[in-house]
Amino acid sequence: MDRLIQILRNIFIRLEGYFSVVFKVIFGFFGSIFGFFAKIFGFNSSGYYLESDAAQTIKRVSEEPAKTEQKTISETPSFSRRRSQKKVEDYYLNMARDVGKN
């Protein structure tokens, strides 16, 4: 039985090596075709992916100073804690208190 497993492993290793060589050639062929069209249409130039320097610079002209409004009325935070009226939460809180006592 060990011999059969060894034979199967070797077959899979050889098939993997064979397919890697075959697909490498096929994908290389398609890559060269797509690379040719990319060169024709100019997709390989850096200007295709990046904007020009003039488009990247931001010119901001503001003659008016920025207006800031200050809030004079401050809201006082509410310190009352809202607690849900669920019995399930009360049950677990009571259980936690009982465990803490023991």
PDB file of N, CA and C in Angstrom:
ATOM      1  N   MET A   1       0.821  -1.193   0.000  1.00  0.00           N
ATOM      2  CA  MET A   1       0.000   0.000   0.000  1.00  0.00           C
ATOM      3  C   MET A   1       0.863   1.255   0.000  1.00  0.00           C
ATOM      4  N   ASP A   2       1.984   1.218   0.720  1.00  0.00           N
ATOM      5  CA  ASP A   2       2.878   2.374   0.738  1.00  0.00           C
ATOM      6  C   ASP A   2       3.462   2.640  -0.643  1.00  0.00           C
ATOM      7  N   ARG A   3       3.719   1.576  -1.368  1.00  0.00           N
ATOM      8  CA  ARG A   3       4.279   1.728  -2.710  1.00  0.00           C
ATOM      9  C   ARG A   3       3.279   2.421  -3.631  1.00  0.00           C
ATOM     10  N   LEU A   4       1.991   2.088  -3.514  1.00  0.00           N
ATOM     11  CA  LEU A   4       0.958   2.696  -4.340  1.00  0.00           C
ATOM     12  C   LEU A   4       0.833   4.195  -4.035  1.00  0.00           C
ATOM     13  N   ILE A   5       0.875   4.550  -2.761  1.00  0.00           N
ATOM     14  CA  ILE A   5       0.797   5.962  -2.380  1.00  0.00           C
ATOM     15  C   ILE A   5       1.995   6.724  -2.925  1.00  0.00           C
ATOM     16  N   GLN A   6       3.172   6.114  -2.872  1.00  0.00           N
ATOM     17  CA  GLN A   6       4.376   6.764  -3.395  1.00  0.00           C
ATOM     18  C   GLN A   6       4.263   6.971  -4.904  1.00  0.00           C
ATOM     19  N   ILE A   7       3.720   5.988  -5.611  1.00  0.00           N
ATOM     20  CA  ILE A   7       3.557   6.106  -7.061  1.00  0.00           C
ATOM     21  C   ILE A   7       2.577   7.231  -7.391  1.00  0.00           C
ATOM     22  N   LEU A   8       1.455   7.305  -6.664  1.00  0.00           N
ATOM     23  CA  LEU A   8       0.477   8.365  -6.908  1.00  0.00           C
ATOM     24  C   LEU A   8       1.069   9.745  -6.628  1.00  0.00           C
ATOM     25  N   ARG A   9       1.829   9.858  -5.550  1.00  0.00           N
ATOM     26  CA  ARG A   9       2.463  11.144  -5.243  1.00  0.00           C
ATOM     27  C   ARG A   9       3.421  11.559  -6.348  1.00  0.00           C
ATOM     28  N   ASN A  10       4.218  10.627  -6.835  1.00  0.00           N
ATOM     29  CA  ASN A  10       5.166  10.946  -7.903  1.00  0.00           C
ATOM     30  C   ASN A  10       4.444  11.350  -9.186  1.00  0.00           C
ATOM     31  N   ILE A  11       3.322  10.679  -9.482  1.00  0.00           N
ATOM     32  CA  ILE A  11       2.554  11.036 -10.684  1.00  0.00           C
ATOM     33  C   ILE A  11       2.037  12.463 -10.575  1.00  0.00           C
ATOM     34  N   PHE A  12       1.475  12.807  -9.409  1.00  0.00           N
ATOM     35  CA  PHE A  12       0.961  14.168  -9.236  1.00  0.00           C
ATOM     36  C   PHE A  12       2.073  15.204  -9.308  1.00  0.00           C
ATOM     37  N   ILE A  13       3.241  14.893  -8.779  1.00  0.00           N
ATOM     38  CA  ILE A  13       4.370  15.832  -8.852  1.00  0.00           C
ATOM     39  C   ILE A  13       4.799  16.029 -10.300  1.00  0.00           C
ATOM     40  N   ARG A  14       4.848  14.938 -11.063  1.00  0.00           N
ATOM     41  CA  ARG A  14       5.248  15.050 -12.466  1.00  0.00           C
ATOM     42  C   ARG A  14       4.200  15.807 -13.289  1.00  0.00           C
ATOM     43  N   LEU A  15       2.904  15.554 -13.019  1.00  0.00           N
ATOM     44  CA  LEU A  15       1.852  16.283 -13.726  1.00  0.00           C
ATOM     45  C   LEU A  15       1.896  17.771 -13.395  1.00  0.00           C
ATOM     46  N   GLU A  16       2.149  18.081 -12.145  1.00  0.00           N
ATOM     47  CA  GLU A  16       2.242  19.483 -11.752  1.00  0.00           C
ATOM     48  C   GLU A  16       3.398  20.174 -12.470  1.00  0.00           C
ATOM     49  N   GLY A  17       4.526  19.517 -12.553  1.00  0.00           N
ATOM     50  CA  GLY A  17       5.661  20.089 -13.274  1.00  0.00           C
ATOM     51  C   GLY A  17       5.377  20.256 -14.754  1.00  0.00           C
ATOM     52  N   TYR A  18       4.722  19.261 -15.357  1.00  0.00           N
ATOM     53  CA  TYR A  18       4.398  19.332 -16.782  1.00  0.00           C
ATOM     54  C   TYR A  18       3.438  20.484 -17.064  1.00  0.00           C
ATOM     55  N   PHE A  19       2.361  20.575 -16.271  1.00  0.00           N
ATOM     56  CA  PHE A  19       1.381  21.637 -16.502  1.00  0.00           C
ATOM     57  C   PHE A  19       1.962  23.021 -16.231  1.00  0.00           C
ATOM     58  N   SER A  20       2.875  23.125 -15.280  1.00  0.00           N
ATOM     59  CA  SER A  20       3.472  24.442 -15.031  1.00  0.00           C
ATOM     60  C   SER A  20       4.298  24.893 -16.226  1.00  0.00           C
ATOM     61  N   VAL A  21       4.980  23.960 -16.891  1.00  0.00           N
ATOM     62  CA  VAL A  21       5.773  24.316 -18.069  1.00  0.00           C
ATOM     63  C   VAL A  21       4.855  24.662 -19.240  1.00  0.00           C
ATOM     64  N   VAL A  22       3.814  23.851 -19.454  1.00  0.00           N
ATOM     65  CA  VAL A  22       2.913  24.075 -20.583  1.00  0.00           C
ATOM     66  C   VAL A  22       2.150  25.384 -20.418  1.00  0.00           C
ATOM     67  N   PHE A  23       1.579  25.605 -19.235  1.00  0.00           N
ATOM     68  CA  PHE A  23       0.803  26.831 -19.027  1.00  0.00           C
ATOM     69  C   PHE A  23       1.689  28.065 -19.005  1.00  0.00           C
ATOM     70  N   LYS A  24       2.939  27.901 -18.614  1.00  0.00           N
ATOM     71  CA  LYS A  24       3.861  29.038 -18.640  1.00  0.00           C
ATOM     72  C   LYS A  24       4.057  29.504 -20.081  1.00  0.00           C
ATOM     73  N   VAL A  25       4.168  28.566 -20.998  1.00  0.00           N
ATOM     74  CA  VAL A  25       4.332  28.910 -22.407  1.00  0.00           C
ATOM     75  C   VAL A  25       3.054  29.565 -22.944  1.00  0.00           C
ATOM     76  N   ILE A  26       1.901  28.994 -22.595  1.00  0.00           N
ATOM     77  CA  ILE A  26       0.627  29.532 -23.097  1.00  0.00           C
ATOM     78  C   ILE A  26       0.384  30.930 -22.552  1.00  0.00           C
ATOM     79  N   PHE A  27       0.576  31.120 -21.245  1.00  0.00           N
ATOM     80  CA  PHE A  27       0.352  32.439 -20.649  1.00  0.00           C
ATOM     81  C   PHE A  27       1.385  33.448 -21.133  1.00  0.00           C
ATOM     82  N   GLY A  28       2.586  32.991 -21.417  1.00  0.00           N
ATOM     83  CA  GLY A  28       3.590  33.885 -21.986  1.00  0.00           C
ATOM     84  C   GLY A  28       3.192  34.359 -23.368  1.00  0.00           C
ATOM     85  N   PHE A  29       2.594  33.465 -24.148  1.00  0.00           N
ATOM     86  CA  PHE A  29       2.131  33.820 -25.483  1.00  0.00           C
ATOM     87  C   PHE A  29       1.026  34.875 -25.405  1.00  0.00           C
ATOM     88  N   PHE A  30       0.023  34.635 -24.559  1.00  0.00           N
ATOM     89  CA  PHE A  30      -1.054  35.617 -24.403  1.00  0.00           C
ATOM     90  C   PHE A  30      -0.535  36.927 -23.815  1.00  0.00           C
ATOM     91  N   GLY A  31       0.415  36.839 -22.919  1.00  0.00           N
ATOM     92  CA  GLY A  31       0.989  38.048 -22.338  1.00  0.00           C
ATOM     93  C   GLY A  31       1.707  38.885 -23.371  1.00  0.00           C
ATOM     94  N   SER A  32       2.393  38.230 -24.300  1.00  0.00           N
ATOM     95  CA  SER A  32       3.081  38.996 -25.339  1.00  0.00           C
ATOM     96  C   SER A  32       2.081  39.649 -26.297  1.00  0.00           C
ATOM     97  N   ILE A  33       0.961  38.973 -26.568  1.00  0.00           N
ATOM     98  CA  ILE A  33      -0.069  39.566 -27.434  1.00  0.00           C
ATOM     99  C   ILE A  33      -0.680  40.790 -26.763  1.00  0.00           C
ATOM    100  N   PHE A  34      -1.070  40.649 -25.494  1.00  0.00           N
ATOM    101  CA  PHE A  34      -1.660  41.785 -24.783  1.00  0.00           C
ATOM    102  C   PHE A  34      -0.635  42.895 -24.574  1.00  0.00           C
ATOM    103  N   GLY A  35       0.618  42.538 -24.381  1.00  0.00           N
ATOM    104  CA  GLY A  35       1.664  43.546 -24.246  1.00  0.00           C
ATOM    105  C   GLY A  35       1.852  44.339 -25.521  1.00  0.00           C
ATOM    106  N   PHE A  36       1.719  43.662 -26.662  1.00  0.00           N
ATOM    107  CA  PHE A  36       1.831  44.343 -27.951  1.00  0.00           C
ATOM    108  C   PHE A  36       0.732  45.389 -28.102  1.00  0.00           C
ATOM    109  N   PHE A  37      -0.515  45.001 -27.792  1.00  0.00           N
ATOM    110  CA  PHE A  37      -1.620  45.957 -27.893  1.00  0.00           C
ATOM    111  C   PHE A  37      -1.501  47.073 -26.858  1.00  0.00           C
ATOM    112  N   ALA A  38      -0.952  46.763 -25.707  1.00  0.00           N
ATOM    113  CA  ALA A  38      -0.761  47.803 -24.689  1.00  0.00           C
ATOM    114  C   ALA A  38       0.238  48.842 -25.173  1.00  0.00           C
ATOM    115  N   LYS A  39       1.262  48.397 -25.870  1.00  0.00           N
ATOM    116  CA  LYS A  39       2.241  49.347 -26.418  1.00  0.00           C
ATOM    117  C   LYS A  39       1.622  50.190 -27.530  1.00  0.00           C
ATOM    118  N   ILE A  40       0.779  49.561 -28.348  1.00  0.00           N
ATOM    119  CA  ILE A  40       0.146  50.296 -29.445  1.00  0.00           C
ATOM    120  C   ILE A  40      -0.766  51.398 -28.907  1.00  0.00           C
ATOM    121  N   PHE A  41      -1.582  51.068 -27.919  1.00  0.00           N
ATOM    122  CA  PHE A  41      -2.544  52.034 -27.390  1.00  0.00           C
ATOM    123  C   PHE A  41      -1.953  52.938 -26.319  1.00  0.00           C
ATOM    124  N   GLY A  42      -0.714  52.727 -25.952  1.00  0.00           N
ATOM    125  CA  GLY A  42      -0.047  53.612 -25.005  1.00  0.00           C
ATOM    126  C   GLY A  42      -0.362  53.339 -23.551  1.00  0.00           C
ATOM    127  N   PHE A  43      -0.784  52.125 -23.231  1.00  0.00           N
ATOM    128  CA  PHE A  43      -1.100  51.800 -21.845  1.00  0.00           C
ATOM    129  C   PHE A  43       0.149  51.604 -20.993  1.00  0.00           C
ATOM    130  N   ASN A  44       1.292  51.425 -21.607  1.00  0.00           N
ATOM    131  CA  ASN A  44       2.500  51.177 -20.829  1.00  0.00           C
ATOM    132  C   ASN A  44       3.238  52.463 -20.468  1.00  0.00           C
ATOM    133  N   SER A  45       2.782  53.613 -20.952  1.00  0.00           N
ATOM    134  CA  SER A  45       3.450  54.869 -20.605  1.00  0.00           C
ATOM    135  C   SER A  45       2.954  55.343 -19.247  1.00  0.00           C
ATOM    136  N   SER A  46       3.815  56.053 -18.527  1.00  0.00           N
ATOM    137  CA  SER A  46       3.450  56.499 -17.186  1.00  0.00           C
ATOM    138  C   SER A  46       2.386  57.581 -17.231  1.00  0.00           C
ATOM    139  N   GLY A  47       2.261  58.283 -18.319  1.00  0.00           N
ATOM    140  CA  GLY A  47       1.239  59.311 -18.440  1.00  0.00           C
ATOM    141  C   GLY A  47      -0.163  58.747 -18.491  1.00  0.00           C
ATOM    142  N   TYR A  48      -0.295  57.472 -18.831  1.00  0.00           N
ATOM    143  CA  TYR A  48      -1.618  56.860 -18.869  1.00  0.00           C
ATOM    144  C   TYR A  48      -2.176  56.692 -17.461  1.00  0.00           C
ATOM    145  N   TYR A  49      -1.315  56.331 -16.513  1.00  0.00           N
ATOM    146  CA  TYR A  49      -1.762  56.060 -15.157  1.00  0.00           C
ATOM    147  C   TYR A  49      -1.738  57.298 -14.267  1.00  0.00           C
ATOM    148  N   LEU A  50      -0.843  58.235 -14.526  1.00  0.00           N
ATOM    149  CA  LEU A  50      -0.683  59.410 -13.680  1.00  0.00           C
ATOM    150  C   LEU A  50      -1.190  60.644 -14.396  1.00  0.00           C
ATOM    151  N   GLU A  51      -1.709  61.565 -13.626  1.00  0.00           N
ATOM    152  CA  GLU A  51      -2.139  62.827 -14.209  1.00  0.00           C
ATOM    153  C   GLU A  51      -0.921  63.710 -14.418  1.00  0.00           C
ATOM    154  N   SER A  52      -1.081  64.704 -15.260  1.00  0.00           N
ATOM    155  CA  SER A  52       0.027  65.617 -15.496  1.00  0.00           C
ATOM    156  C   SER A  52       0.257  66.463 -14.254  1.00  0.00           C
ATOM    157  N   ASP A  53       1.427  67.089 -14.186  1.00  0.00           N
ATOM    158  CA  ASP A  53       1.766  67.903 -13.023  1.00  0.00           C
ATOM    159  C   ASP A  53       0.833  69.096 -12.879  1.00  0.00           C
ATOM    160  N   ALA A  54       0.371  69.648 -13.990  1.00  0.00           N
ATOM    161  CA  ALA A  54      -0.527  70.797 -13.922  1.00  0.00           C
ATOM    162  C   ALA A  54      -1.869  70.400 -13.308  1.00  0.00           C
ATOM    163  N   ALA A  55      -2.319  69.192 -13.574  1.00  0.00           N
ATOM    164  CA  ALA A  55      -3.598  68.748 -13.024  1.00  0.00           C
ATOM    165  C   ALA A  55      -3.483  68.401 -11.546  1.00  0.00           C
ATOM    166  N   GLN A  56      -2.275  68.063 -11.095  1.00  0.00           N
ATOM    167  CA  GLN A  56      -2.110  67.665  -9.706  1.00  0.00           C
ATOM    168  C   GLN A  56      -1.964  68.850  -8.767  1.00  0.00           C
ATOM    169  N   THR A  57      -1.520  69.985  -9.266  1.00  0.00           N
ATOM    170  CA  THR A  57      -1.347  71.136  -8.386  1.00  0.00           C
ATOM    171  C   THR A  57      -2.699  71.768  -8.112  1.00  0.00           C
ATOM    172  N   ILE A  58      -2.873  72.229  -6.910  1.00  0.00           N
ATOM    173  CA  ILE A  58      -4.136  72.850  -6.516  1.00  0.00           C
ATOM    174  C   ILE A  58      -3.862  74.309  -6.215  1.00  0.00           C
ATOM    175  N   LYS A  59      -4.527  75.168  -6.946  1.00  0.00           N
ATOM    176  CA  LYS A  59      -4.382  76.601  -6.712  1.00  0.00           C
ATOM    177  C   LYS A  59      -5.645  77.079  -6.022  1.00  0.00           C
ATOM    178  N   ARG A  60      -5.456  77.700  -4.884  1.00  0.00           N
ATOM    179  CA  ARG A  60      -6.592  78.168  -4.120  1.00  0.00           C
ATOM    180  C   ARG A  60      -6.474  79.679  -3.959  1.00  0.00           C
ATOM    181  N   VAL A  61      -7.413  80.381  -4.509  1.00  0.00           N
ATOM    182  CA  VAL A  61      -7.428  81.834  -4.405  1.00  0.00           C
ATOM    183  C   VAL A  61      -8.646  82.209  -3.583  1.00  0.00           C
ATOM    184  N   SER A  62      -8.392  82.739  -2.400  1.00  0.00           N
ATOM    185  CA  SER A  62      -9.515  83.165  -1.568  1.00  0.00           C
ATOM    186  C   SER A  62      -9.214  84.564  -1.049  1.00  0.00           C
ATOM    187  N   GLU A  63     -10.012  85.500  -1.508  1.00  0.00           N
ATOM    188  CA  GLU A  63      -9.831  86.879  -1.082  1.00  0.00           C
ATOM    189  C   GLU A  63     -10.535  87.138   0.234  1.00  0.00           C
ATOM    190  N   GLU A  64     -11.572  86.372   0.516  1.00  0.00           N
ATOM    191  CA  GLU A  64     -12.315  86.563   1.750  1.00  0.00           C
ATOM    192  C   GLU A  64     -11.701  85.717   2.858  1.00  0.00           C
ATOM    193  N   PRO A  65     -11.552  86.277   4.033  1.00  0.00           N
ATOM    194  CA  PRO A  65     -11.048  85.463   5.142  1.00  0.00           C
ATOM    195  C   PRO A  65     -12.121  84.459   5.570  1.00  0.00           C
ATOM    196  N   ALA A  66     -11.672  83.400   6.116  1.00  0.00           N
ATOM    197  CA  ALA A  66     -12.606  82.366   6.539  1.00  0.00           C
ATOM    198  C   ALA A  66     -13.397  82.854   7.737  1.00  0.00           C
ATOM    199  N   LYS A  67     -14.699  82.648   7.688  1.00  0.00           N
ATOM    200  CA  LYS A  67     -15.566  83.088   8.772  1.00  0.00           C
ATOM    201  C   LYS A  67     -15.757  81.946   9.756  1.00  0.00           C
ATOM    202  N   THR A  68     -15.598  82.279  11.024  1.00  0.00           N
ATOM    203  CA  THR A  68     -15.834  81.283  12.060  1.00  0.00           C
ATOM    204  C   THR A  68     -16.911  81.805  12.990  1.00  0.00           C
ATOM    205  N   GLU A  69     -17.875  80.984  13.243  1.00  0.00           N
ATOM    206  CA  GLU A  69     -18.950  81.353  14.146  1.00  0.00           C
ATOM    207  C   GLU A  69     -18.754  80.613  15.453  1.00  0.00           C
ATOM    208  N   GLN A  70     -18.852  81.346  16.533  1.00  0.00           N
ATOM    209  CA  GLN A  70     -18.708  80.725  17.837  1.00  0.00           C
ATOM    210  C   GLN A  70     -20.082  80.518  18.433  1.00  0.00           C
ATOM    211  N   LYS A  71     -20.246  79.367  19.020  1.00  0.00           N
ATOM    212  CA  LYS A  71     -21.502  79.044  19.651  1.00  0.00           C
ATOM    213  C   LYS A  71     -21.504  79.637  21.050  1.00  0.00           C
ATOM    214  N   THR A  72     -22.469  80.468  21.350  1.00  0.00           N
ATOM    215  CA  THR A  72     -22.536  81.074  22.677  1.00  0.00           C
ATOM    216  C   THR A  72     -23.377  80.238  23.625  1.00  0.00           C
ATOM    217  N   ILE A  73     -24.297  79.483  23.099  1.00  0.00           N
ATOM    218  CA  ILE A  73     -25.149  78.655  23.943  1.00  0.00           C
ATOM    219  C   ILE A  73     -24.524  77.269  24.024  1.00  0.00           C
ATOM    220  N   SER A  74     -24.173  76.878  25.223  1.00  0.00           N
ATOM    221  CA  SER A  74     -23.604  75.545  25.385  1.00  0.00           C
ATOM    222  C   SER A  74     -24.662  74.629  25.968  1.00  0.00           C
ATOM    223  N   GLU A  75     -24.696  73.448  25.458  1.00  0.00           N
ATOM    224  CA  GLU A  75     -25.678  72.485  25.924  1.00  0.00           C
ATOM    225  C   GLU A  75     -25.124  71.762  27.137  1.00  0.00           C
ATOM    226  N   THR A  76     -25.910  71.662  28.164  1.00  0.00           N
ATOM    227  CA  THR A  76     -25.470  70.926  29.346  1.00  0.00           C
ATOM    228  C   THR A  76     -25.796  69.460  29.136  1.00  0.00           C
ATOM    229  N   PRO A  77     -24.815  68.617  29.333  1.00  0.00           N
ATOM    230  CA  PRO A  77     -25.057  67.199  29.109  1.00  0.00           C
ATOM    231  C   PRO A  77     -25.957  66.623  30.195  1.00  0.00           C
ATOM    232  N   SER A  78     -26.719  65.677  29.817  1.00  0.00           N
ATOM    233  CA  SER A  78     -27.622  65.020  30.741  1.00  0.00           C
ATOM    234  C   SER A  78     -26.870  63.901  31.442  1.00  0.00           C
ATOM    235  N   PHE A  79     -26.933  63.883  32.758  1.00  0.00           N
ATOM    236  CA  PHE A  79     -26.216  62.861  33.511  1.00  0.00           C
ATOM    237  C   PHE A  79     -27.125  61.723  33.947  1.00  0.00           C
ATOM    238  N   SER A  80     -28.372  61.805  33.628  1.00  0.00           N
ATOM    239  CA  SER A  80     -29.275  60.718  34.005  1.00  0.00           C
ATOM    240  C   SER A  80     -29.054  59.545  33.062  1.00  0.00           C
ATOM    241  N   ARG A  81     -28.903  58.388  33.636  1.00  0.00           N
ATOM    242  CA  ARG A  81     -28.626  57.202  32.850  1.00  0.00           C
ATOM    243  C   ARG A  81     -29.935  56.517  32.490  1.00  0.00           C
ATOM    244  N   ARG A  82     -30.092  56.253  31.240  1.00  0.00           N
ATOM    245  CA  ARG A  82     -31.298  55.573  30.801  1.00  0.00           C
ATOM    246  C   ARG A  82     -31.070  54.082  30.903  1.00  0.00           C
ATOM    247  N   ARG A  83     -31.979  53.417  31.508  1.00  0.00           N
ATOM    248  CA  ARG A  83     -31.842  51.985  31.686  1.00  0.00           C
ATOM    249  C   ARG A  83     -33.044  51.301  31.057  1.00  0.00           C
ATOM    250  N   SER A  84     -32.766  50.277  30.306  1.00  0.00           N
ATOM    251  CA  SER A  84     -33.868  49.574  29.662  1.00  0.00           C
ATOM    252  C   SER A  84     -34.651  48.799  30.708  1.00  0.00           C
ATOM    253  N   GLN A  85     -35.867  48.552  30.410  1.00  0.00           N
ATOM    254  CA  GLN A  85     -36.763  47.888  31.353  1.00  0.00           C
ATOM    255  C   GLN A  85     -36.896  46.397  31.048  1.00  0.00           C
ATOM    256  N   LYS A  86     -35.902  45.837  30.450  1.00  0.00           N
ATOM    257  CA  LYS A  86     -35.999  44.431  30.078  1.00  0.00           C
ATOM    258  C   LYS A  86     -35.738  43.550  31.290  1.00  0.00           C
ATOM    259  N   LYS A  87     -36.577  42.566  31.465  1.00  0.00           N
ATOM    260  CA  LYS A  87     -36.427  41.662  32.600  1.00  0.00           C
ATOM    261  C   LYS A  87     -35.222  40.748  32.427  1.00  0.00           C
ATOM    262  N   VAL A  88     -34.871  40.465  31.191  1.00  0.00           N
ATOM    263  CA  VAL A  88     -33.736  39.578  30.934  1.00  0.00           C
ATOM    264  C   VAL A  88     -32.448  40.215  31.424  1.00  0.00           C
ATOM    265  N   GLU A  89     -32.267  41.493  31.150  1.00  0.00           N
ATOM    266  CA  GLU A  89     -31.059  42.171  31.605  1.00  0.00           C
ATOM    267  C   GLU A  89     -31.023  42.238  33.119  1.00  0.00           C
ATOM    268  N   ASP A  90     -32.168  42.468  33.747  1.00  0.00           N
ATOM    269  CA  ASP A  90     -32.222  42.487  35.203  1.00  0.00           C
ATOM    270  C   ASP A  90     -31.867  41.123  35.771  1.00  0.00           C
ATOM    271  N   TYR A  91     -32.310  40.081  35.110  1.00  0.00           N
ATOM    272  CA  TYR A  91     -32.003  38.729  35.559  1.00  0.00           C
ATOM    273  C   TYR A  91     -30.495  38.488  35.545  1.00  0.00           C
ATOM    274  N   TYR A  92     -29.835  38.871  34.453  1.00  0.00           N
ATOM    275  CA  TYR A  92     -28.395  38.654  34.363  1.00  0.00           C
ATOM    276  C   TYR A  92     -27.624  39.556  35.320  1.00  0.00           C
ATOM    277  N   LEU A  93     -28.112  40.769  35.551  1.00  0.00           N
ATOM    278  CA  LEU A  93     -27.450  41.644  36.519  1.00  0.00           C
ATOM    279  C   LEU A  93     -27.557  41.071  37.926  1.00  0.00           C
ATOM    280  N   ASN A  94     -28.715  40.558  38.275  1.00  0.00           N
ATOM    281  CA  ASN A  94     -28.875  39.937  39.591  1.00  0.00           C
ATOM    282  C   ASN A  94     -28.013  38.692  39.722  1.00  0.00           C
ATOM    283  N   MET A  95     -27.917  37.909  38.652  1.00  0.00           N
ATOM    284  CA  MET A  95     -27.077  36.726  38.687  1.00  0.00           C
ATOM    285  C   MET A  95     -25.614  37.112  38.870  1.00  0.00           C
ATOM    286  N   ALA A  96     -25.168  38.179  38.226  1.00  0.00           N
ATOM    287  CA  ALA A  96     -23.786  38.628  38.373  1.00  0.00           C
ATOM    288  C   ALA A  96     -23.529  39.110  39.791  1.00  0.00           C
ATOM    289  N   ARG A  97     -24.498  39.767  40.391  1.00  0.00           N
ATOM    290  CA  ARG A  97     -24.330  40.201  41.783  1.00  0.00           C
ATOM    291  C   ARG A  97     -24.226  39.005  42.712  1.00  0.00           C
ATOM    292  N   ASP A  98     -25.043  37.980  42.460  1.00  0.00           N
ATOM    293  CA  ASP A  98     -24.995  36.785  43.304  1.00  0.00           C
ATOM    294  C   ASP A  98     -23.663  36.066  43.166  1.00  0.00           C
ATOM    295  N   VAL A  99     -23.131  36.012  41.967  1.00  0.00           N
ATOM    296  CA  VAL A  99     -21.832  35.368  41.753  1.00  0.00           C
ATOM    297  C   VAL A  99     -20.741  36.171  42.439  1.00  0.00           C
ATOM    298  N   GLY A 100     -20.854  37.490  42.404  1.00  0.00           N
ATOM    299  CA  GLY A 100     -19.864  38.350  43.049  1.00  0.00           C
ATOM    300  C   GLY A 100     -19.872  38.207  44.559  1.00  0.00           C
ATOM    301  N   LYS A 101     -21.033  37.901  45.132  1.00  0.00           N
ATOM    302  CA  LYS A 101     -21.120  37.728  46.582  1.00  0.00           C
ATOM    303  C   LYS A 101     -20.462  36.438  47.026  1.00  0.00           C
ATOM    304  N   ASN A 102     -20.504  35.415  46.189  1.00  0.00           N
ATOM    305  CA  ASN A 102     -19.949  34.104  46.569  1.00  0.00           C
ATOM    306  C   ASN A 102     -18.502  34.072  46.390  1.00  0.00           C
TER     307      ASN A 102
END
